Amino acid sequence: MRGFVGGIVAALVIVVVVVLAAIQFGLVPARADGPLMPGERWAAKTSLKAAIEREAPKPPYPYSPPSDADVAQGAKLYVQNCAVCHGTANSTPDSIARGLGVRPPQFNKNDVMDDPEGETYWKIEHGIRFTGMPSYAHSLDEKSIWQLTYFMKRAPDHLSAEAKKIWENPSLVPPPTPMPAIPVKPGQGSSGPP
């Protein structure tokens, strides 16, 4: 029995060493344009689904029911923050969307109307790891994220007149107001002092 347990421990140590060596020597694919590793899609989807079920807001949702003005503001926020990857009524994927390893859904073809608002809110607030979907928790306030959520829940077929006009003519929306500079901390894109 002692030899059996020792064999299991030795096997686990070998597996850990091999995995660490593969990571250290760049043998684990890190390219956005490379193929997925076996089980990677399953692991990502399973983990995402569990996190959303555990953490997403549940009804009743704040700022609900949304007014037409809230949905129109959500349309403006969408054009300013999301359309570059997810498109608008008459767009096709641009070079950014095509270059992402996980292709972002194009909401003129793949809406989120069947997703609960809490799930859409969670994805906008937190982003999705290992995809191009960023977190907006530090760039949009809670009400703005809900306005964006309510717009997306209604796009493309159940929009108010003003929101539909923005969805179909994104050039009506001015560029977003630049965010104030945020100091870069070491390890977050900074290589340290020159």
Protein backbone atom coordinates (compact mmCIF):
# COMPACT_ATOMS: atom_id res chain seq x y z
CA MET A 1 0.00 0.00 0.00
CA ARG A 2 2.87 2.32 0.83
CA GLY A 3 4.39 1.84 -2.62
CA PHE A 4 1.02 2.55 -4.25
CA VAL A 5 0.63 5.88 -2.40
CA GLY A 6 4.26 6.73 -3.19
CA GLY A 7 3.59 6.01 -6.88
CA ILE A 8 0.56 8.31 -6.90
CA VAL A 9 2.53 11.10 -5.23
CA ALA A 10 5.43 10.65 -7.66
CA ALA A 11 3.02 10.73 -10.63
CA LEU A 12 1.42 13.93 -9.36
CA VAL A 13 4.84 15.55 -8.88
CA ILE A 14 5.83 14.58 -12.43
CA VAL A 15 2.58 15.99 -13.85
CA VAL A 16 3.11 19.28 -11.98
CA VAL A 17 6.73 19.52 -13.18
CA VAL A 18 5.72 18.81 -16.79
CA VAL A 19 2.90 21.38 -16.70
CA LEU A 20 5.17 24.04 -15.15
CA ALA A 21 7.90 23.29 -17.71
CA ALA A 22 5.39 23.56 -20.58
CA ILE A 23 4.27 26.94 -19.27
CA GLN A 24 7.81 28.16 -18.61
CA PHE A 25 9.05 27.22 -22.10
CA GLY A 26 6.03 28.67 -23.91
CA LEU A 27 4.61 25.33 -25.00
CA VAL A 28 1.11 26.30 -23.84
CA PRO A 29 -0.49 28.26 -26.69
CA ALA A 30 -0.74 31.94 -25.85
CA ARG A 31 -1.50 33.26 -29.35
CA ALA A 32 -4.92 34.76 -29.99
CA ASP A 33 -4.84 33.33 -33.52
CA GLY A 34 -3.75 29.85 -32.48
CA PRO A 35 -5.87 26.74 -32.03
CA LEU A 36 -7.60 26.07 -28.73
CA MET A 37 -6.09 23.48 -26.43
CA PRO A 38 -8.10 20.29 -25.85
CA GLY A 39 -10.82 21.02 -23.30
CA GLU A 40 -10.14 24.77 -23.27
CA ARG A 41 -13.53 25.77 -24.71
CA TRP A 42 -15.37 23.43 -22.31
CA ALA A 43 -13.41 24.68 -19.28
CA ALA A 44 -13.96 28.35 -20.16
CA LYS A 45 -17.70 27.96 -20.83
CA THR A 46 -18.28 25.81 -17.74
CA SER A 47 -16.42 28.22 -15.47
CA LEU A 48 -18.14 31.28 -16.99
CA LYS A 49 -21.59 29.72 -16.60
CA ALA A 50 -20.92 28.82 -12.95
CA ALA A 51 -19.56 32.30 -12.14
CA ILE A 52 -22.55 34.02 -13.74
CA GLU A 53 -25.04 31.77 -11.94
CA ARG A 54 -23.32 32.53 -8.63
CA GLU A 55 -22.58 36.26 -9.05
CA ALA A 56 -25.00 37.84 -11.55
CA PRO A 57 -27.61 40.23 -10.15
CA LYS A 58 -31.06 38.73 -9.69
CA PRO A 59 -34.42 40.49 -10.23
CA PRO A 60 -35.70 42.96 -9.34
CA TYR A 61 -33.03 44.93 -11.20
CA PRO A 62 -32.12 48.55 -10.41
CA TYR A 63 -33.36 51.33 -12.67
CA SER A 64 -36.15 49.05 -13.90
CA PRO A 65 -38.30 49.35 -15.84
CA PRO A 66 -36.04 51.46 -18.02
CA SER A 67 -37.40 54.56 -19.69
CA ASP A 68 -37.00 55.19 -23.42
CA ALA A 69 -34.37 57.79 -22.45
CA ASP A 70 -32.41 55.11 -20.53
CA VAL A 71 -32.49 52.75 -23.52
CA ALA A 72 -31.40 55.58 -25.86
CA GLN A 73 -28.54 56.45 -23.50
CA GLY A 74 -27.64 52.74 -23.52
CA ALA A 75 -27.54 52.90 -27.33
CA LYS A 76 -25.10 55.83 -27.16
CA LEU A 77 -22.92 53.97 -24.67
CA TYR A 78 -23.04 50.89 -26.91
CA VAL A 79 -21.83 52.86 -29.94
CA GLN A 80 -19.04 54.47 -27.88
CA ASN A 81 -17.83 51.35 -26.08
CA CYS A 82 -19.07 48.16 -27.76
CA ALA A 83 -19.74 48.67 -31.47
CA VAL A 84 -16.06 48.44 -32.40
CA CYS A 85 -16.18 44.71 -31.60
CA HIS A 86 -19.89 43.83 -31.66
CA GLY A 87 -21.06 45.94 -34.59
CA THR A 88 -24.22 47.93 -35.21
CA ALA A 89 -27.33 47.47 -37.36
CA ASN A 90 -25.61 47.59 -40.73
CA SER A 91 -21.98 46.79 -39.95
CA THR A 92 -19.74 43.81 -40.51
CA PRO A 93 -16.93 42.72 -38.16
CA ASP A 94 -13.99 45.11 -38.34
CA SER A 95 -10.30 44.29 -38.06
CA ILE A 96 -10.39 44.34 -34.25
CA ALA A 97 -13.29 41.87 -34.07
CA ARG A 98 -11.67 39.62 -36.70
CA GLY A 99 -8.35 39.63 -34.85
CA LEU A 100 -9.67 38.40 -31.51
CA GLY A 101 -9.04 34.75 -30.69
CA VAL A 102 -12.62 34.36 -29.50
CA ARG A 103 -14.83 36.10 -32.06
CA PRO A 104 -17.21 38.60 -30.44
CA PRO A 105 -20.87 38.06 -31.28
CA GLN A 106 -22.25 40.52 -33.81
CA PHE A 107 -25.42 41.79 -32.17
CA ASN A 108 -27.11 42.65 -35.48
CA LYS A 109 -27.22 38.86 -36.01
CA ASN A 110 -26.77 37.32 -32.54
CA ASP A 111 -28.78 39.26 -29.98
CA VAL A 112 -28.83 38.71 -26.22
CA MET A 113 -32.59 39.14 -25.86
CA ASP A 114 -32.94 35.65 -24.39
CA ASP A 115 -30.28 36.25 -21.72
CA PRO A 116 -31.46 37.53 -18.34
CA GLU A 117 -30.53 41.18 -17.76
CA GLY A 118 -28.42 40.13 -14.76
CA GLU A 119 -26.22 37.95 -16.99
CA THR A 120 -25.68 40.71 -19.54
CA TYR A 121 -24.94 43.19 -16.74
CA TRP A 122 -22.37 40.79 -15.21
CA LYS A 123 -20.57 40.34 -18.56
CA ILE A 124 -20.34 44.10 -19.09
CA GLU A 125 -19.27 44.86 -15.54
CA HIS A 126 -16.70 42.09 -15.17
CA GLY A 127 -15.68 41.20 -18.73
CA ILE A 128 -14.78 37.67 -19.76
CA ARG A 129 -11.28 36.34 -19.13
CA PHE A 130 -9.32 34.93 -22.09
CA THR A 131 -11.49 36.80 -24.59
CA GLY A 132 -11.36 40.37 -25.82
CA MET A 133 -14.32 41.33 -23.60
CA PRO A 134 -13.03 43.92 -21.12
CA SER A 135 -14.45 44.82 -17.73
CA TYR A 136 -16.24 48.17 -17.64
CA ALA A 137 -16.37 48.26 -13.84
CA HIS A 138 -13.77 51.04 -13.71
CA SER A 139 -14.92 53.06 -16.71
CA LEU A 140 -18.73 53.09 -16.48
CA ASP A 141 -20.86 53.66 -13.40
CA GLU A 142 -23.58 51.24 -12.30
CA LYS A 143 -26.43 53.17 -13.93
CA SER A 144 -24.56 53.37 -17.25
CA ILE A 145 -23.96 49.62 -17.22
CA TRP A 146 -27.67 49.04 -16.58
CA GLN A 147 -28.62 51.43 -19.40
CA LEU A 148 -26.30 49.51 -21.71
CA THR A 149 -27.79 46.23 -20.48
CA TYR A 150 -31.36 47.39 -21.10
CA PHE A 151 -30.43 48.59 -24.60
CA MET A 152 -28.82 45.25 -25.45
CA LYS A 153 -31.82 43.33 -24.10
CA ARG A 154 -34.01 45.15 -26.61
CA ALA A 155 -31.68 45.32 -29.64
CA PRO A 156 -32.19 44.95 -32.50
CA ASP A 157 -35.96 44.42 -32.75
CA HIS A 158 -37.56 46.05 -29.69
CA LEU A 159 -35.96 49.49 -29.51
CA SER A 160 -37.56 52.85 -28.89
CA ALA A 161 -37.50 55.23 -31.88
CA GLU A 162 -34.51 57.21 -30.56
CA ALA A 163 -32.48 54.09 -29.69
CA LYS A 164 -33.27 52.54 -33.08
CA LYS A 165 -32.10 55.71 -34.83
CA ILE A 166 -28.76 55.49 -32.97
CA TRP A 167 -28.46 51.72 -33.63
CA GLU A 168 -28.98 52.28 -37.36
CA ASN A 169 -26.89 55.50 -37.58
CA PRO A 170 -23.98 55.23 -35.12
CA SER A 171 -22.31 58.31 -36.61
CA LEU A 172 -24.94 60.38 -34.74
CA VAL A 173 -23.09 59.62 -31.49
CA PRO A 174 -20.04 61.70 -30.57
CA PRO A 175 -16.89 59.90 -29.41
CA PRO A 176 -16.73 59.16 -25.70
CA THR A 177 -15.29 61.69 -23.31
CA PRO A 178 -11.68 60.69 -22.62
CA MET A 179 -11.14 59.09 -19.24
CA PRO A 180 -8.74 60.78 -16.84
CA ALA A 181 -5.30 59.20 -16.85
CA ILE A 182 -4.92 56.37 -14.39
CA PRO A 183 -1.45 55.81 -12.98
CA VAL A 184 0.04 52.58 -14.28
CA LYS A 185 1.19 50.23 -11.56
CA PRO A 186 4.19 47.93 -12.05
CA GLY A 187 3.03 44.70 -13.62
CA GLN A 188 0.05 46.35 -15.33
CA GLY A 189 1.62 47.35 -18.61
CA SER A 190 4.51 49.27 -17.10
CA SER A 191 8.06 48.20 -17.68
CA GLY A 192 9.31 50.43 -14.91
CA PRO A 193 11.40 53.58 -15.12
CA PRO A 194 13.18 54.22 -18.45
